[in-house]
Amino acid sequence: MNSIIIETFQETQELISQVLNRENILPQIEAMAKQMADVLLNKGKLIACGNGGSMCDAIHFAEELSGRFNKDRQALPAIALSDPGYLSCVANDYGWDNVFARGVDAFALKGDLILGISTSGNSTNIIKALIAAKKKECFTASLLGKEGGKLKGFCDYEIIVPSNNTARIQEIHGIIIHLLIELIEKELFTSQEENPQAPLFC
């Protein structure tokens, strides 16, 4: 039992080291966060989607932006396409492959940013959502794993976690999500430190 615990922590530690040693990943995190902050400054919104554990990551991303992360500040417009009634409705009528694209069609506007999360990079419904986002002239971003799958190179911004272990990929995605939120807060609210409740958007 102890060997499993130690091995799991060691695998995660090794993957974090790999991420830190890849020259492109850290600048990509920074660039993605900057674009997200710019979208919010321009009165756009962030829409996230994923399947299974990645849906939980999408919800986590959205709720800490619209709710609270590290500081008291203005709520930020971020949503996850995760309502079970909506998803079951669209899946029943249009198929599961279209659940997120339909949501993008319904809620996204030009200049918004759509974040697709897929540990394989091959989830058809995420691919279709990002295609729909491009048609609506939204910015696109993805959190991926393995070699990036079919989504590699498709989005304006992408971060690929170099692992074939889904659980380890999701753990790193969680760290990246927290980093994105922290960088967004820093970009938007550093100048408001003396009055964090002052309105940011007019």
Protein backbone atom coordinates (compact mmCIF):
# COMPACT_ATOMS: atom_id res chain seq x y z
CA MET A 1 0.00 0.00 0.00
CA ASN A 2 2.73 2.48 0.95
CA SER A 3 4.59 1.72 -2.29
CA ILE A 4 1.54 2.78 -4.33
CA ILE A 5 1.32 6.06 -2.43
CA ILE A 6 5.02 6.81 -2.80
CA GLU A 7 5.02 5.84 -6.49
CA THR A 8 2.07 8.12 -7.21
CA PHE A 9 3.71 11.12 -5.55
CA GLN A 10 6.97 10.36 -7.35
CA GLU A 11 5.22 10.16 -10.74
CA THR A 12 3.55 13.52 -10.14
CA GLN A 13 6.82 15.06 -8.96
CA GLU A 14 8.63 13.79 -12.05
CA LEU A 15 5.92 15.13 -14.35
CA ILE A 16 6.07 18.55 -12.70
CA SER A 17 9.82 18.55 -13.35
CA GLN A 18 9.22 17.65 -17.01
CA VAL A 19 6.74 20.50 -17.35
CA LEU A 20 9.16 22.97 -15.75
CA ASN A 21 11.95 21.82 -18.08
CA ARG A 22 9.92 22.23 -21.28
CA GLU A 23 10.77 25.63 -22.66
CA ASN A 24 7.40 26.25 -24.29
CA ILE A 25 4.95 25.38 -21.50
CA LEU A 26 5.56 28.23 -19.05
CA PRO A 27 5.35 30.96 -21.74
CA GLN A 28 2.16 29.30 -23.02
CA ILE A 29 0.57 29.47 -19.58
CA GLU A 30 1.48 33.14 -19.34
CA ALA A 31 0.20 33.91 -22.85
CA MET A 32 -3.07 32.05 -22.28
CA ALA A 33 -3.69 33.89 -19.02
CA LYS A 34 -2.92 37.25 -20.66
CA GLN A 35 -5.41 36.56 -23.46
CA MET A 36 -8.07 35.52 -20.95
CA ALA A 37 -7.52 38.73 -18.99
CA ASP A 38 -7.72 40.79 -22.19
CA VAL A 39 -11.02 39.10 -23.10
CA LEU A 40 -12.44 40.01 -19.70
CA LEU A 41 -11.17 43.59 -19.95
CA ASN A 42 -12.96 43.88 -23.29
CA LYS A 43 -16.26 42.77 -21.69
CA GLY A 44 -16.07 39.26 -23.07
CA LYS A 45 -16.51 36.02 -21.17
CA LEU A 46 -14.72 32.73 -20.74
CA ILE A 47 -16.52 29.45 -21.51
CA ALA A 48 -14.97 26.12 -20.50
CA CYS A 49 -15.89 22.54 -21.35
CA GLY A 50 -14.61 19.03 -20.78
CA ASN A 51 -15.72 15.43 -20.23
CA GLY A 52 -15.68 13.50 -16.96
CA GLY A 53 -12.82 14.69 -14.77
CA SER A 54 -12.10 17.39 -17.33
CA MET A 55 -15.65 18.67 -16.91
CA CYS A 56 -14.91 18.96 -13.19
CA ASP A 57 -11.81 20.96 -14.13
CA ALA A 58 -13.91 23.21 -16.37
CA ILE A 59 -16.35 23.81 -13.51
CA HIS A 60 -13.46 24.48 -11.13
CA PHE A 61 -12.00 27.04 -13.55
CA ALA A 62 -15.30 28.86 -13.98
CA GLU A 63 -16.43 28.89 -10.36
CA GLU A 64 -13.19 30.34 -9.01
CA LEU A 65 -13.33 33.16 -11.55
CA SER A 66 -17.01 33.93 -11.12
CA GLY A 67 -16.80 33.28 -7.38
CA ARG A 68 -13.56 33.74 -5.48
CA PHE A 69 -9.98 32.52 -5.62
CA ASN A 70 -7.26 34.33 -3.63
CA LYS A 71 -8.80 37.71 -2.99
CA ASP A 72 -12.04 39.61 -2.67
CA ARG A 73 -12.64 41.25 -6.04
CA GLN A 74 -15.24 41.74 -8.72
CA ALA A 75 -16.92 38.58 -10.00
CA LEU A 76 -15.67 37.61 -13.45
CA PRO A 77 -17.87 36.24 -16.27
CA ALA A 78 -16.79 32.63 -16.67
CA ILE A 79 -19.08 29.65 -17.18
CA ALA A 80 -18.71 25.91 -17.67
CA LEU A 81 -20.98 24.04 -20.06
CA SER A 82 -22.01 21.54 -17.42
CA ASP A 83 -25.71 21.84 -16.60
CA PRO A 84 -27.04 18.24 -16.52
CA GLY A 85 -30.49 19.15 -17.83
CA TYR A 86 -29.00 21.02 -20.77
CA LEU A 87 -26.43 18.31 -21.54
CA SER A 88 -28.99 15.50 -21.45
CA CYS A 89 -31.39 17.52 -23.62
CA VAL A 90 -28.81 18.17 -26.32
CA ALA A 91 -27.34 14.67 -26.11
CA ASN A 92 -30.81 13.17 -26.54
CA ASP A 93 -31.73 15.35 -29.51
CA TYR A 94 -28.39 15.94 -31.25
CA GLY A 95 -25.98 13.36 -29.82
CA TRP A 96 -23.22 13.67 -27.23
CA ASP A 97 -20.74 14.78 -29.88
CA ASN A 98 -22.63 18.07 -30.20
CA VAL A 99 -23.36 19.00 -26.57
CA PHE A 100 -20.62 21.60 -26.25
CA ALA A 101 -20.81 23.01 -29.78
CA ARG A 102 -24.50 23.67 -29.18
CA GLY A 103 -23.59 25.52 -25.99
CA VAL A 104 -21.02 27.60 -27.82
CA ASP A 105 -23.65 28.46 -30.43
CA ALA A 106 -26.04 29.52 -27.67
CA PHE A 107 -23.78 31.53 -25.38
CA ALA A 108 -20.57 32.58 -27.13
CA LEU A 109 -20.13 35.95 -28.78
CA LYS A 110 -17.35 37.30 -30.96
CA GLY A 111 -14.34 38.06 -28.77
CA ASP A 112 -15.15 35.53 -26.05
CA LEU A 113 -12.68 32.75 -25.28
CA ILE A 114 -13.56 29.05 -25.32
CA LEU A 115 -11.38 26.70 -23.26
CA GLY A 116 -11.53 23.01 -24.17
CA ILE A 117 -10.05 20.49 -21.76
CA SER A 118 -9.19 17.00 -23.02
CA THR A 119 -6.52 14.68 -21.64
CA SER A 120 -6.32 12.87 -24.99
CA GLY A 121 -6.91 15.79 -27.33
CA ASN A 122 -9.28 13.54 -29.28
CA SER A 123 -12.68 14.19 -27.68
CA THR A 124 -15.05 14.78 -30.58
CA ASN A 125 -17.39 17.05 -28.63
CA ILE A 126 -14.49 19.27 -27.56
CA ILE A 127 -13.17 19.43 -31.12
CA LYS A 128 -16.62 20.42 -32.40
CA ALA A 129 -16.97 23.05 -29.68
CA LEU A 130 -13.70 24.67 -30.69
CA ILE A 131 -14.65 24.55 -34.37
CA ALA A 132 -17.90 26.30 -33.47
CA ALA A 133 -15.92 28.85 -31.46
CA LYS A 134 -13.74 29.71 -34.44
CA LYS A 135 -16.83 30.16 -36.60
CA LYS A 136 -18.11 32.69 -34.08
CA GLU A 137 -14.72 34.47 -34.08
CA CYS A 138 -13.94 33.55 -30.50
CA PHE A 139 -10.46 32.99 -29.15
CA THR A 140 -9.70 29.31 -28.53
CA ALA A 141 -7.56 27.62 -25.91
CA SER A 142 -6.98 24.02 -24.89
CA LEU A 143 -5.51 22.02 -22.03
CA LEU A 144 -4.36 18.69 -23.44
CA GLY A 145 -2.29 15.63 -22.57
CA LYS A 146 -0.28 12.86 -24.21
CA GLU A 147 0.89 14.18 -27.60
CA GLY A 148 -2.00 16.60 -28.00
CA GLY A 149 -4.13 14.31 -30.17
CA LYS A 150 -6.26 15.72 -32.97
CA LEU A 151 -6.42 19.10 -31.24
CA LYS A 152 -2.67 19.66 -31.33
CA GLY A 153 -1.99 22.92 -33.14
CA PHE A 154 -5.68 23.76 -33.60
CA CYS A 155 -6.24 26.43 -30.95
CA ASP A 156 -4.86 29.93 -30.57
CA TYR A 157 -3.36 28.82 -27.27
CA GLU A 158 -2.60 25.30 -26.10
CA ILE A 159 -0.81 23.57 -23.25
CA ILE A 160 0.09 19.89 -23.64
CA VAL A 161 1.02 17.94 -20.52
CA PRO A 162 3.62 15.34 -21.63
CA SER A 163 2.19 12.18 -20.06
CA ASN A 164 0.09 9.17 -21.06
CA ASN A 165 -1.33 8.76 -17.55
CA THR A 166 -4.77 10.37 -17.42
CA ALA A 167 -4.73 10.88 -13.65
CA ARG A 168 -1.32 12.59 -13.72
CA ILE A 169 -2.42 14.80 -16.64
CA GLN A 170 -5.49 15.89 -14.70
CA GLU A 171 -3.37 16.73 -11.67
CA ILE A 172 -1.16 19.02 -13.75
CA HIS A 173 -4.22 20.52 -15.43
CA GLY A 174 -5.45 21.41 -11.95
CA ILE A 175 -2.20 23.23 -11.18
CA ILE A 176 -2.34 25.06 -14.52
CA ILE A 177 -5.95 26.10 -13.90
CA HIS A 178 -4.96 27.62 -10.57
CA LEU A 179 -2.04 29.40 -12.24
CA LEU A 180 -4.29 30.80 -14.97
CA ILE A 181 -6.71 32.17 -12.39
CA GLU A 182 -3.92 33.65 -10.28
CA LEU A 183 -2.33 35.31 -13.32
CA ILE A 184 -5.71 36.65 -14.46
CA GLU A 185 -6.30 38.16 -11.03
CA LYS A 186 -2.84 39.70 -11.03
CA GLU A 187 -3.36 41.16 -14.51
CA LEU A 188 -6.77 42.62 -13.73
CA PHE A 189 -6.60 43.65 -10.10
CA THR A 190 -3.02 44.55 -9.15
CA SER A 191 -3.80 48.24 -9.63
CA GLN A 192 -6.87 47.84 -7.43
CA GLU A 193 -5.08 46.57 -4.35
CA GLU A 194 -6.09 49.63 -2.32
CA ASN A 195 -9.74 49.26 -3.33
CA PRO A 196 -10.38 45.73 -4.64
CA GLN A 197 -14.15 46.26 -4.73
CA ALA A 198 -13.89 49.18 -7.15
CA PRO A 199 -15.62 48.30 -10.44
CA LEU A 200 -13.26 47.09 -13.11
CA PHE A 201 -15.71 47.09 -16.01
CA CYS A 202 -17.67 50.19 -16.98
